[in-house]
Amino acid sequence: MDKKSKFSFKYELIIYIVVIVLSAYFLPKYVIQRTVVDGDSMLNTLHDSEQLIMEKISYHFHDPKRFDIIVFYPYGKEDKRHYVKRVIGLPGETVQIQDSDIYINGQLLKENYGREPAVYAGIAAEPLKLAEDEFFVLGDNRNESYDSRYAEIGPVSRDNLCGRIVFRIYPFKKFGVMTSK
C-alpha cells in the first residue's frame, strides 16, 4: 500500500466509525426507536410483547392526528415508563364519555377501534376541555386500559409525547406498516 492509500483507508475508517457512533446515539434518541407493547390495553390492534418502531420527528412539525397510535410518558419524561395508546381528543376540544359513547365537542365520535364500549368514563364523565397542548388518549381495549380517563394520567401534554407508531417488527407474521385508518 502506498502512502495515499493508507491515508485514504484511515480516513474512510474514521468516517465509518463516526457514522456508526452517531447512528447508534442519534437515531434512537431523535429519529426512530424500538418499543415493546406491555399488556393488553391495545387489543385487538396490538398485543402484549409485540415490538414496534416509533418515529420521533413528525410531531415536531405537526400535532398528532385523531386515531394516531402514540407513545407518551404518562408521568413526565423524568420517569422513563411509557404507554402506547390511541389519540381520541385533540387540543382545544371537549371530550365526554356518556353511556359508553365518546363525544367530541358534543358530537358522537364515529370510530371502530374500541374492542368493547368503555364502561368507565372517569374524568370524562363530565365535559373535559383540553388545553391547547393536550391530547386525550384511550387504549383500544377500553375496559383494560389505564389512560386519559384516569386522573393520575389525565390529558397528555405535548411535552410528554414520545412519537408515533409507524411499523410493527415482531411477530414476523404481522410485520409491516401501522396505519391509523
N, C-alpha and C. Protein backbone atom coordinates (compact mmCIF):
# COMPACT_ATOMS: atom_id res chain seq x y z
N MET A 1 0.83 -1.18 0.00
CA MET A 1 0.00 0.00 0.00
C MET A 1 0.87 1.24 0.00
N ASP A 2 0.54 2.16 -0.86
CA ASP A 2 1.29 3.41 -0.86
C ASP A 2 0.74 4.36 0.20
N LYS A 3 1.43 5.46 0.40
CA LYS A 3 1.08 6.40 1.46
C LYS A 3 -0.33 6.98 1.27
N LYS A 4 -0.68 7.29 0.02
CA LYS A 4 -2.01 7.84 -0.27
C LYS A 4 -3.10 6.83 0.06
N SER A 5 -2.91 5.57 -0.25
CA SER A 5 -3.89 4.51 0.03
C SER A 5 -4.07 4.31 1.53
N LYS A 6 -2.95 4.35 2.29
CA LYS A 6 -3.04 4.21 3.75
C LYS A 6 -3.83 5.36 4.36
N PHE A 7 -3.56 6.59 3.88
CA PHE A 7 -4.28 7.75 4.38
C PHE A 7 -5.76 7.63 4.04
N SER A 8 -6.08 7.24 2.84
CA SER A 8 -7.46 7.09 2.39
C SER A 8 -8.18 6.03 3.22
N PHE A 9 -7.51 4.91 3.49
CA PHE A 9 -8.11 3.84 4.29
C PHE A 9 -8.40 4.32 5.71
N LYS A 10 -7.42 5.02 6.34
CA LYS A 10 -7.61 5.52 7.69
C LYS A 10 -8.73 6.57 7.74
N TYR A 11 -8.74 7.45 6.75
CA TYR A 11 -9.77 8.48 6.68
C TYR A 11 -11.16 7.84 6.54
N GLU A 12 -11.27 6.87 5.65
CA GLU A 12 -12.53 6.16 5.45
C GLU A 12 -12.97 5.43 6.71
N LEU A 13 -12.03 4.79 7.39
CA LEU A 13 -12.33 4.07 8.63
C LEU A 13 -12.85 5.03 9.70
N ILE A 14 -12.22 6.18 9.82
CA ILE A 14 -12.67 7.18 10.79
C ILE A 14 -14.08 7.66 10.46
N ILE A 15 -14.35 7.90 9.19
CA ILE A 15 -15.69 8.32 8.75
C ILE A 15 -16.72 7.26 9.13
N TYR A 16 -16.43 5.98 8.85
CA TYR A 16 -17.37 4.90 9.18
C TYR A 16 -17.61 4.81 10.70
N ILE A 17 -16.57 4.95 11.47
CA ILE A 17 -16.71 4.88 12.93
C ILE A 17 -17.58 6.03 13.43
N VAL A 18 -17.34 7.24 12.92
CA VAL A 18 -18.13 8.40 13.31
C VAL A 18 -19.60 8.20 12.93
N VAL A 19 -19.85 7.71 11.72
CA VAL A 19 -21.23 7.46 11.27
C VAL A 19 -21.91 6.42 12.15
N ILE A 20 -21.21 5.35 12.49
CA ILE A 20 -21.78 4.29 13.33
C ILE A 20 -22.08 4.82 14.73
N VAL A 21 -21.16 5.55 15.30
CA VAL A 21 -21.37 6.10 16.65
C VAL A 21 -22.52 7.10 16.64
N LEU A 22 -22.55 8.00 15.68
CA LEU A 22 -23.65 8.96 15.59
C LEU A 22 -24.98 8.25 15.38
N SER A 23 -25.00 7.24 14.53
CA SER A 23 -26.24 6.49 14.28
C SER A 23 -26.70 5.76 15.53
N ALA A 24 -25.79 5.19 16.26
CA ALA A 24 -26.15 4.45 17.47
C ALA A 24 -26.72 5.39 18.53
N TYR A 25 -26.27 6.63 18.56
CA TYR A 25 -26.76 7.60 19.54
C TYR A 25 -27.91 8.43 18.98
N PHE A 26 -27.71 9.00 17.81
CA PHE A 26 -28.63 9.99 17.24
C PHE A 26 -29.96 9.37 16.82
N LEU A 27 -29.93 8.27 16.08
CA LEU A 27 -31.17 7.68 15.58
C LEU A 27 -32.16 7.31 16.69
N PRO A 28 -31.75 6.52 17.71
CA PRO A 28 -32.74 6.18 18.74
C PRO A 28 -33.18 7.38 19.59
N LYS A 29 -32.33 8.34 19.76
CA LYS A 29 -32.68 9.49 20.61
C LYS A 29 -33.60 10.47 19.90
N TYR A 30 -33.39 10.68 18.60
CA TYR A 30 -34.09 11.74 17.90
C TYR A 30 -34.93 11.32 16.69
N VAL A 31 -34.74 10.13 16.15
CA VAL A 31 -35.38 9.79 14.89
C VAL A 31 -36.33 8.59 15.03
N ILE A 32 -35.80 7.42 15.27
CA ILE A 32 -36.63 6.22 15.42
C ILE A 32 -36.16 5.42 16.62
N GLN A 33 -37.09 4.65 17.17
CA GLN A 33 -36.74 3.84 18.33
C GLN A 33 -37.67 2.63 18.37
N ARG A 34 -37.15 1.53 18.81
CA ARG A 34 -37.95 0.31 19.01
C ARG A 34 -38.63 0.41 20.37
N THR A 35 -39.87 -0.04 20.43
CA THR A 35 -40.59 -0.11 21.70
C THR A 35 -41.37 -1.41 21.74
N VAL A 36 -41.70 -1.84 22.94
CA VAL A 36 -42.40 -3.11 23.12
C VAL A 36 -43.72 -2.86 23.83
N VAL A 37 -44.79 -3.49 23.35
CA VAL A 37 -46.10 -3.38 23.98
C VAL A 37 -46.07 -4.17 25.28
N ASP A 38 -46.52 -3.53 26.35
CA ASP A 38 -46.56 -4.19 27.66
C ASP A 38 -48.01 -4.23 28.13
N GLY A 39 -48.65 -5.37 27.99
CA GLY A 39 -50.02 -5.53 28.45
C GLY A 39 -51.01 -5.63 27.31
N ASP A 40 -52.29 -5.67 27.69
CA ASP A 40 -53.37 -5.91 26.73
C ASP A 40 -54.24 -4.69 26.48
N SER A 41 -53.79 -3.50 26.84
CA SER A 41 -54.64 -2.31 26.74
C SER A 41 -54.93 -1.89 25.30
N MET A 42 -54.18 -2.39 24.33
CA MET A 42 -54.41 -2.01 22.93
C MET A 42 -54.98 -3.16 22.09
N LEU A 43 -55.46 -4.22 22.75
CA LEU A 43 -56.10 -5.31 22.00
C LEU A 43 -57.31 -4.75 21.26
N ASN A 44 -57.63 -5.11 20.15
CA ASN A 44 -57.14 -6.13 19.25
C ASN A 44 -56.12 -5.59 18.27
N THR A 45 -55.79 -4.34 18.35
CA THR A 45 -54.83 -3.74 17.42
C THR A 45 -53.41 -4.20 17.71
N LEU A 46 -52.99 -4.11 18.96
CA LEU A 46 -51.65 -4.50 19.38
C LEU A 46 -51.75 -5.50 20.52
N HIS A 47 -50.81 -6.43 20.56
CA HIS A 47 -50.82 -7.47 21.58
C HIS A 47 -49.57 -7.36 22.46
N ASP A 48 -49.69 -7.91 23.66
CA ASP A 48 -48.58 -7.92 24.61
C ASP A 48 -47.32 -8.48 23.95
N SER A 49 -46.21 -7.83 24.17
CA SER A 49 -44.87 -8.22 23.71
C SER A 49 -44.61 -7.97 22.23
N GLU A 50 -45.55 -7.37 21.52
CA GLU A 50 -45.25 -7.01 20.13
C GLU A 50 -44.19 -5.92 20.12
N GLN A 51 -43.31 -5.98 19.13
CA GLN A 51 -42.25 -5.00 19.00
C GLN A 51 -42.57 -4.05 17.86
N LEU A 52 -42.42 -2.76 18.16
CA LEU A 52 -42.85 -1.71 17.24
C LEU A 52 -41.72 -0.72 17.00
N ILE A 53 -41.84 -0.01 15.90
CA ILE A 53 -40.93 1.10 15.62
C ILE A 53 -41.73 2.40 15.74
N MET A 54 -41.19 3.30 16.52
CA MET A 54 -41.78 4.61 16.74
C MET A 54 -40.89 5.65 16.06
N GLU A 55 -41.53 6.56 15.32
CA GLU A 55 -40.76 7.68 14.75
C GLU A 55 -41.00 8.90 15.61
N LYS A 56 -39.96 9.71 15.77
CA LYS A 56 -39.99 10.83 16.71
C LYS A 56 -39.95 12.21 16.06
N ILE A 57 -39.94 12.26 14.74
CA ILE A 57 -39.72 13.54 14.06
C ILE A 57 -41.00 14.28 13.73
N SER A 58 -42.00 13.61 13.21
CA SER A 58 -43.16 14.31 12.63
C SER A 58 -43.88 15.21 13.62
N TYR A 59 -43.94 14.84 14.90
CA TYR A 59 -44.66 15.67 15.86
C TYR A 59 -43.91 16.94 16.23
N HIS A 60 -42.72 17.13 15.71
CA HIS A 60 -42.03 18.41 15.86
C HIS A 60 -42.56 19.41 14.84
N PHE A 61 -43.23 18.88 13.79
CA PHE A 61 -43.72 19.74 12.71
C PHE A 61 -45.24 19.86 12.68
N HIS A 62 -45.94 18.87 13.25
CA HIS A 62 -47.40 18.94 13.31
C HIS A 62 -47.90 18.12 14.49
N ASP A 63 -49.12 18.43 14.90
CA ASP A 63 -49.74 17.71 16.01
C ASP A 63 -50.14 16.29 15.59
N PRO A 64 -50.26 15.41 16.57
CA PRO A 64 -50.83 14.10 16.26
C PRO A 64 -52.24 14.26 15.69
N LYS A 65 -52.62 13.32 14.87
CA LYS A 65 -53.96 13.32 14.31
C LYS A 65 -54.84 12.39 15.15
N ARG A 66 -56.13 12.62 15.07
CA ARG A 66 -57.05 11.72 15.76
C ARG A 66 -56.85 10.30 15.24
N PHE A 67 -56.80 9.36 16.14
CA PHE A 67 -56.63 7.92 15.92
C PHE A 67 -55.18 7.50 15.70
N ASP A 68 -54.22 8.43 15.70
CA ASP A 68 -52.80 8.02 15.67
C ASP A 68 -52.53 7.16 16.90
N ILE A 69 -51.66 6.17 16.74
CA ILE A 69 -51.19 5.39 17.88
C ILE A 69 -49.88 6.03 18.30
N ILE A 70 -49.85 6.50 19.55
CA ILE A 70 -48.69 7.26 20.02
C ILE A 70 -48.03 6.56 21.21
N VAL A 71 -46.82 7.01 21.48
CA VAL A 71 -46.10 6.62 22.69
C VAL A 71 -45.90 7.91 23.47
N PHE A 72 -46.15 7.84 24.78
CA PHE A 72 -46.00 9.03 25.62
C PHE A 72 -45.54 8.63 27.01
N TYR A 73 -45.03 9.62 27.73
CA TYR A 73 -44.61 9.45 29.11
C TYR A 73 -45.77 9.89 30.00
N PRO A 74 -46.50 8.97 30.64
CA PRO A 74 -47.67 9.36 31.42
C PRO A 74 -47.33 10.14 32.69
N TYR A 75 -46.12 9.98 33.19
CA TYR A 75 -45.73 10.64 34.44
C TYR A 75 -44.61 11.65 34.23
N GLY A 76 -44.43 12.09 32.99
CA GLY A 76 -43.37 13.04 32.66
C GLY A 76 -42.11 12.32 32.18
N LYS A 77 -41.26 13.06 31.49
CA LYS A 77 -40.07 12.47 30.88
C LYS A 77 -39.03 12.00 31.88
N GLU A 78 -39.09 12.52 33.11
CA GLU A 78 -38.13 12.10 34.12
C GLU A 78 -38.36 10.64 34.50
N ASP A 79 -39.60 10.19 34.42
CA ASP A 79 -39.99 8.80 34.67
C ASP A 79 -40.00 8.10 33.32
N LYS A 80 -39.13 7.15 33.10
CA LYS A 80 -38.94 6.55 31.78
C LYS A 80 -40.04 5.60 31.34
N ARG A 81 -41.05 5.33 32.21
CA ARG A 81 -42.16 4.49 31.79
C ARG A 81 -42.92 5.18 30.66
N HIS A 82 -43.30 4.41 29.68
CA HIS A 82 -44.06 4.97 28.57
C HIS A 82 -45.25 4.06 28.24
N TYR A 83 -46.29 4.67 27.68
CA TYR A 83 -47.51 3.96 27.32
C TYR A 83 -47.74 4.10 25.82
N VAL A 84 -48.43 3.11 25.28
CA VAL A 84 -48.85 3.14 23.88
C VAL A 84 -50.38 3.22 23.89
N LYS A 85 -50.93 4.29 23.30
CA LYS A 85 -52.38 4.50 23.28
C LYS A 85 -52.78 5.17 21.96
N ARG A 86 -54.09 5.32 21.79
CA ARG A 86 -54.63 5.95 20.58
C ARG A 86 -55.15 7.35 20.91
N VAL A 87 -54.85 8.32 20.06
CA VAL A 87 -55.32 9.69 20.23
C VAL A 87 -56.81 9.75 19.89
N ILE A 88 -57.58 10.28 20.82
CA ILE A 88 -59.03 10.44 20.62
C ILE A 88 -59.40 11.91 20.59
N GLY A 89 -58.93 12.69 21.57
CA GLY A 89 -59.25 14.12 21.64
C GLY A 89 -58.05 14.97 21.32
N LEU A 90 -58.29 16.05 20.58
CA LEU A 90 -57.22 16.95 20.13
C LEU A 90 -57.24 18.26 20.91
N PRO A 91 -56.15 19.02 20.87
CA PRO A 91 -56.08 20.28 21.62
C PRO A 91 -57.28 21.19 21.36
N GLY A 92 -57.79 21.75 22.46
CA GLY A 92 -58.90 22.68 22.36
C GLY A 92 -60.27 22.04 22.31
N GLU A 93 -60.34 20.72 22.11
CA GLU A 93 -61.63 20.04 22.03
C GLU A 93 -62.17 19.72 23.43
N THR A 94 -63.46 19.45 23.48
CA THR A 94 -64.10 18.99 24.70
C THR A 94 -64.49 17.53 24.51
N VAL A 95 -64.03 16.70 25.42
CA VAL A 95 -64.27 15.25 25.36
C VAL A 95 -65.22 14.88 26.49
N GLN A 96 -66.16 14.00 26.16
CA GLN A 96 -67.05 13.46 27.19
C GLN A 96 -67.43 12.03 26.81
N ILE A 97 -67.49 11.17 27.83
CA ILE A 97 -67.94 9.79 27.63
C ILE A 97 -69.23 9.63 28.41
N GLN A 98 -70.31 9.30 27.68
CA GLN A 98 -71.62 9.09 28.28
C GLN A 98 -72.20 7.78 27.77
N ASP A 99 -72.65 6.93 28.68
CA ASP A 99 -73.25 5.66 28.30
C ASP A 99 -72.38 4.91 27.29
N SER A 100 -71.09 4.89 27.51
CA SER A 100 -70.11 4.19 26.67
C SER A 100 -69.86 4.86 25.32
N ASP A 101 -70.51 5.99 25.05
CA ASP A 101 -70.28 6.70 23.80
C ASP A 101 -69.30 7.84 24.06
N ILE A 102 -68.46 8.11 23.08
CA ILE A 102 -67.47 9.19 23.17
C ILE A 102 -67.98 10.37 22.35
N TYR A 103 -67.99 11.53 22.98
CA TYR A 103 -68.41 12.75 22.30
C TYR A 103 -67.24 13.72 22.24
N ILE A 104 -67.08 14.32 21.07
CA ILE A 104 -66.08 15.36 20.86
C ILE A 104 -66.85 16.63 20.51
N ASN A 105 -66.70 17.65 21.33
CA ASN A 105 -67.42 18.92 21.14
C ASN A 105 -68.93 18.68 20.98
N GLY A 106 -69.45 17.73 21.75
CA GLY A 106 -70.88 17.45 21.73
C GLY A 106 -71.35 16.53 20.62
N GLN A 107 -70.46 16.16 19.71
CA GLN A 107 -70.82 15.29 18.59
C GLN A 107 -70.31 13.87 18.85
N LEU A 108 -71.16 12.87 18.57
CA LEU A 108 -70.77 11.48 18.76
C LEU A 108 -69.58 11.16 17.86
N LEU A 109 -68.52 10.59 18.44
CA LEU A 109 -67.33 10.20 17.68
C LEU A 109 -67.60 8.87 17.00
N LYS A 110 -67.47 8.85 15.70
CA LYS A 110 -67.63 7.61 14.95
C LYS A 110 -66.26 6.97 14.81
N GLU A 111 -66.09 5.86 15.49
CA GLU A 111 -64.83 5.14 15.45
C GLU A 111 -65.10 3.67 15.74
N ASN A 112 -64.21 2.82 15.29
CA ASN A 112 -64.40 1.38 15.50
C ASN A 112 -63.15 0.72 16.07
N TYR A 113 -62.37 1.49 16.82
CA TYR A 113 -61.14 0.94 17.38
C TYR A 113 -61.37 0.26 18.72
N GLY A 114 -62.37 0.70 19.44
CA GLY A 114 -62.61 0.13 20.76
C GLY A 114 -63.00 -1.34 20.66
N ARG A 115 -62.33 -2.15 21.45
CA ARG A 115 -62.64 -3.58 21.47
C ARG A 115 -64.05 -3.80 21.98
N GLU A 116 -64.44 -3.00 22.96
CA GLU A 116 -65.78 -3.02 23.51
C GLU A 116 -66.08 -1.62 24.03
N PRO A 117 -67.34 -1.31 24.26
CA PRO A 117 -67.66 0.03 24.78
C PRO A 117 -67.01 0.26 26.14
N ALA A 118 -66.64 1.49 26.38
CA ALA A 118 -66.00 1.86 27.65
C ALA A 118 -67.04 1.90 28.76
N VAL A 119 -66.86 1.09 29.78
CA VAL A 119 -67.75 1.08 30.93
C VAL A 119 -67.42 2.25 31.85
N TYR A 120 -66.15 2.54 32.03
CA TYR A 120 -65.69 3.58 32.95
C TYR A 120 -65.40 4.86 32.18
N ALA A 121 -66.07 5.94 32.54
CA ALA A 121 -65.85 7.23 31.88
C ALA A 121 -64.78 8.05 32.58
N GLY A 122 -64.58 7.82 33.88
CA GLY A 122 -63.57 8.55 34.64
C GLY A 122 -63.76 10.04 34.59
N ILE A 123 -62.66 10.77 34.40
CA ILE A 123 -62.73 12.23 34.40
C ILE A 123 -63.47 12.78 33.19
N ALA A 124 -63.78 11.91 32.21
CA ALA A 124 -64.53 12.34 31.03
C ALA A 124 -66.03 12.13 31.19
N ALA A 125 -66.47 11.75 32.38
CA ALA A 125 -67.91 11.62 32.62
C ALA A 125 -68.59 12.99 32.48
N GLU A 126 -67.87 14.02 32.86
CA GLU A 126 -68.30 15.40 32.65
C GLU A 126 -67.49 15.96 31.49
N PRO A 127 -68.01 16.95 30.77
CA PRO A 127 -67.24 17.52 29.66
C PRO A 127 -65.84 17.95 30.13
N LEU A 128 -64.84 17.51 29.40
CA LEU A 128 -63.44 17.80 29.74
C LEU A 128 -62.83 18.61 28.60
N LYS A 129 -62.57 19.88 28.86
CA LYS A 129 -61.98 20.77 27.86
C LYS A 129 -60.47 20.60 27.86
N LEU A 130 -59.91 20.24 26.71
CA LEU A 130 -58.46 20.05 26.58
C LEU A 130 -57.78 21.39 26.34
N ALA A 131 -56.64 21.58 26.96
CA ALA A 131 -55.84 22.79 26.74
C ALA A 131 -55.27 22.75 25.32
N GLU A 132 -54.65 23.83 24.91
CA GLU A 132 -54.10 23.93 23.55
C GLU A 132 -52.88 23.04 23.31
N ASP A 133 -52.40 22.39 24.36
CA ASP A 133 -51.26 21.49 24.19
C ASP A 133 -51.55 20.10 24.76
N GLU A 134 -52.85 19.72 24.82
CA GLU A 134 -53.22 18.44 25.43
C GLU A 134 -53.98 17.54 24.47
N PHE A 135 -53.81 16.24 24.70
CA PHE A 135 -54.47 15.21 23.90
C PHE A 135 -55.14 14.22 24.86
N PHE A 136 -56.30 13.72 24.46
CA PHE A 136 -57.00 12.71 25.23
C PHE A 136 -56.75 11.39 24.53
N VAL A 137 -56.21 10.41 25.27
CA VAL A 137 -55.85 9.12 24.68
C VAL A 137 -56.60 7.98 25.38
N LEU A 138 -56.92 6.95 24.59
CA LEU A 138 -57.56 5.76 25.12
C LEU A 138 -56.86 4.53 24.55
N GLY A 139 -56.88 3.45 25.31
CA GLY A 139 -56.46 2.17 24.78
C GLY A 139 -57.61 1.58 24.00
N ASP A 140 -57.32 0.76 23.01
CA ASP A 140 -58.38 0.14 22.22
C ASP A 140 -59.17 -0.87 23.04
N ASN A 141 -58.53 -1.50 24.01
CA ASN A 141 -59.20 -2.42 24.93
C ASN A 141 -59.71 -1.57 26.09
N ARG A 142 -60.79 -0.84 25.83
CA ARG A 142 -61.25 0.24 26.69
C ARG A 142 -61.41 -0.15 28.16
N ASN A 143 -61.82 -1.37 28.45
CA ASN A 143 -62.07 -1.74 29.84
C ASN A 143 -60.86 -2.36 30.52
N GLU A 144 -59.74 -2.40 29.82
CA GLU A 144 -58.49 -2.91 30.40
C GLU A 144 -57.36 -1.91 30.21
N SER A 145 -57.70 -0.66 29.98
CA SER A 145 -56.69 0.34 29.67
C SER A 145 -56.63 1.43 30.74
N TYR A 146 -55.42 1.75 31.14
CA TYR A 146 -55.16 2.85 32.07
C TYR A 146 -54.74 4.04 31.21
N ASP A 147 -55.63 5.00 31.02
CA ASP A 147 -55.43 6.04 30.02
C ASP A 147 -55.92 7.39 30.52
N SER A 148 -56.26 8.29 29.61
CA SER A 148 -56.64 9.66 29.98
C SER A 148 -57.90 9.76 30.83
N ARG A 149 -58.69 8.71 30.93
CA ARG A 149 -59.89 8.74 31.78
C ARG A 149 -59.52 8.79 33.26
N TYR A 150 -58.34 8.35 33.59
CA TYR A 150 -57.90 8.29 34.99
C TYR A 150 -57.18 9.58 35.35
N ALA A 151 -57.54 10.15 36.50
CA ALA A 151 -56.97 11.43 36.94
C ALA A 151 -55.45 11.36 37.04
N GLU A 152 -54.88 10.21 37.41
CA GLU A 152 -53.42 10.08 37.55
C GLU A 152 -52.70 10.24 36.21
N ILE A 153 -53.38 9.93 35.13
CA ILE A 153 -52.81 10.10 33.78
C ILE A 153 -53.33 11.40 33.20
N GLY A 154 -54.64 11.48 33.04
CA GLY A 154 -55.29 12.67 32.51
C GLY A 154 -54.91 12.95 31.07
N PRO A 155 -55.26 14.13 30.59
CA PRO A 155 -54.86 14.51 29.24
C PRO A 155 -53.33 14.52 29.12
N VAL A 156 -52.84 14.15 27.96
CA VAL A 156 -51.40 14.05 27.72
C VAL A 156 -50.89 15.37 27.16
N SER A 157 -49.92 15.94 27.84
CA SER A 157 -49.29 17.18 27.40
C SER A 157 -48.40 16.91 26.18
N ARG A 158 -48.36 17.87 25.26
CA ARG A 158 -47.49 17.75 24.08
C ARG A 158 -46.05 17.48 24.49
N ASP A 159 -45.60 18.06 25.60
CA ASP A 159 -44.24 17.87 26.07
C ASP A 159 -43.94 16.42 26.44
N ASN A 160 -44.97 15.65 26.75
CA ASN A 160 -44.76 14.25 27.15
C ASN A 160 -44.95 13.25 26.01
N LEU A 161 -45.13 13.76 24.79
CA LEU A 161 -45.22 12.87 23.64
C LEU A 161 -43.83 12.35 23.28
N CYS A 162 -43.77 11.10 22.95
CA CYS A 162 -42.52 10.47 22.52
C CYS A 162 -42.46 10.37 21.00
N GLY A 163 -43.54 9.85 20.43
CA GLY A 163 -43.57 9.66 18.99
C GLY A 163 -44.79 8.87 18.55
N ARG A 164 -44.78 8.50 17.28
CA ARG A 164 -45.90 7.82 16.63
C ARG A 164 -45.45 6.44 16.19
N ILE A 165 -46.31 5.45 16.43
CA ILE A 165 -46.00 4.09 15.99
C ILE A 165 -46.20 4.02 14.48
N VAL A 166 -45.17 3.56 13.78
CA VAL A 166 -45.25 3.51 12.32
C VAL A 166 -45.06 2.10 11.76
N PHE A 167 -44.48 1.19 12.55
CA PHE A 167 -44.12 -0.11 11.99
C PHE A 167 -44.16 -1.18 13.07
N ARG A 168 -44.63 -2.35 12.73
CA ARG A 168 -44.59 -3.49 13.63
C ARG A 168 -43.49 -4.42 13.10
N ILE A 169 -42.51 -4.75 13.96
CA ILE A 169 -41.41 -5.60 13.52
C ILE A 169 -41.50 -7.02 14.06
N TYR A 170 -42.31 -7.21 15.12
CA TYR A 170 -42.47 -8.56 15.66
C TYR A 170 -43.84 -8.65 16.31
N PRO A 171 -44.55 -9.73 16.09
CA PRO A 171 -44.20 -11.00 15.46
C PRO A 171 -44.08 -10.84 13.94
N PHE A 172 -43.24 -11.68 13.37
CA PHE A 172 -42.93 -11.58 11.95
C PHE A 172 -44.16 -11.75 11.06
N LYS A 173 -45.13 -12.54 11.50
CA LYS A 173 -46.32 -12.75 10.66
C LYS A 173 -47.17 -11.48 10.57
N LYS A 174 -46.96 -10.51 11.46
CA LYS A 174 -47.66 -9.23 11.41
C LYS A 174 -46.74 -8.09 11.00
N PHE A 175 -45.55 -8.40 10.55
CA PHE A 175 -44.55 -7.42 10.15
C PHE A 175 -45.15 -6.46 9.14
N GLY A 176 -45.01 -5.17 9.38
CA GLY A 176 -45.47 -4.20 8.38
C GLY A 176 -45.80 -2.85 8.96
N VAL A 177 -46.22 -1.97 8.06
CA VAL A 177 -46.55 -0.59 8.37
C VAL A 177 -47.83 -0.55 9.20
N MET A 178 -47.84 0.32 10.22
CA MET A 178 -49.02 0.54 11.05
C MET A 178 -49.72 1.79 10.52
N THR A 179 -51.00 1.70 10.33
CA THR A 179 -51.77 2.87 9.90
C THR A 179 -52.85 3.14 10.93
N SER A 180 -53.30 4.38 11.01
CA SER A 180 -54.33 4.73 11.97
C SER A 180 -55.71 4.73 11.30
N LYS A 181 -55.79 4.40 10.07
CA LYS A 181 -57.09 4.37 9.38
C LYS A 181 -57.53 2.96 9.15
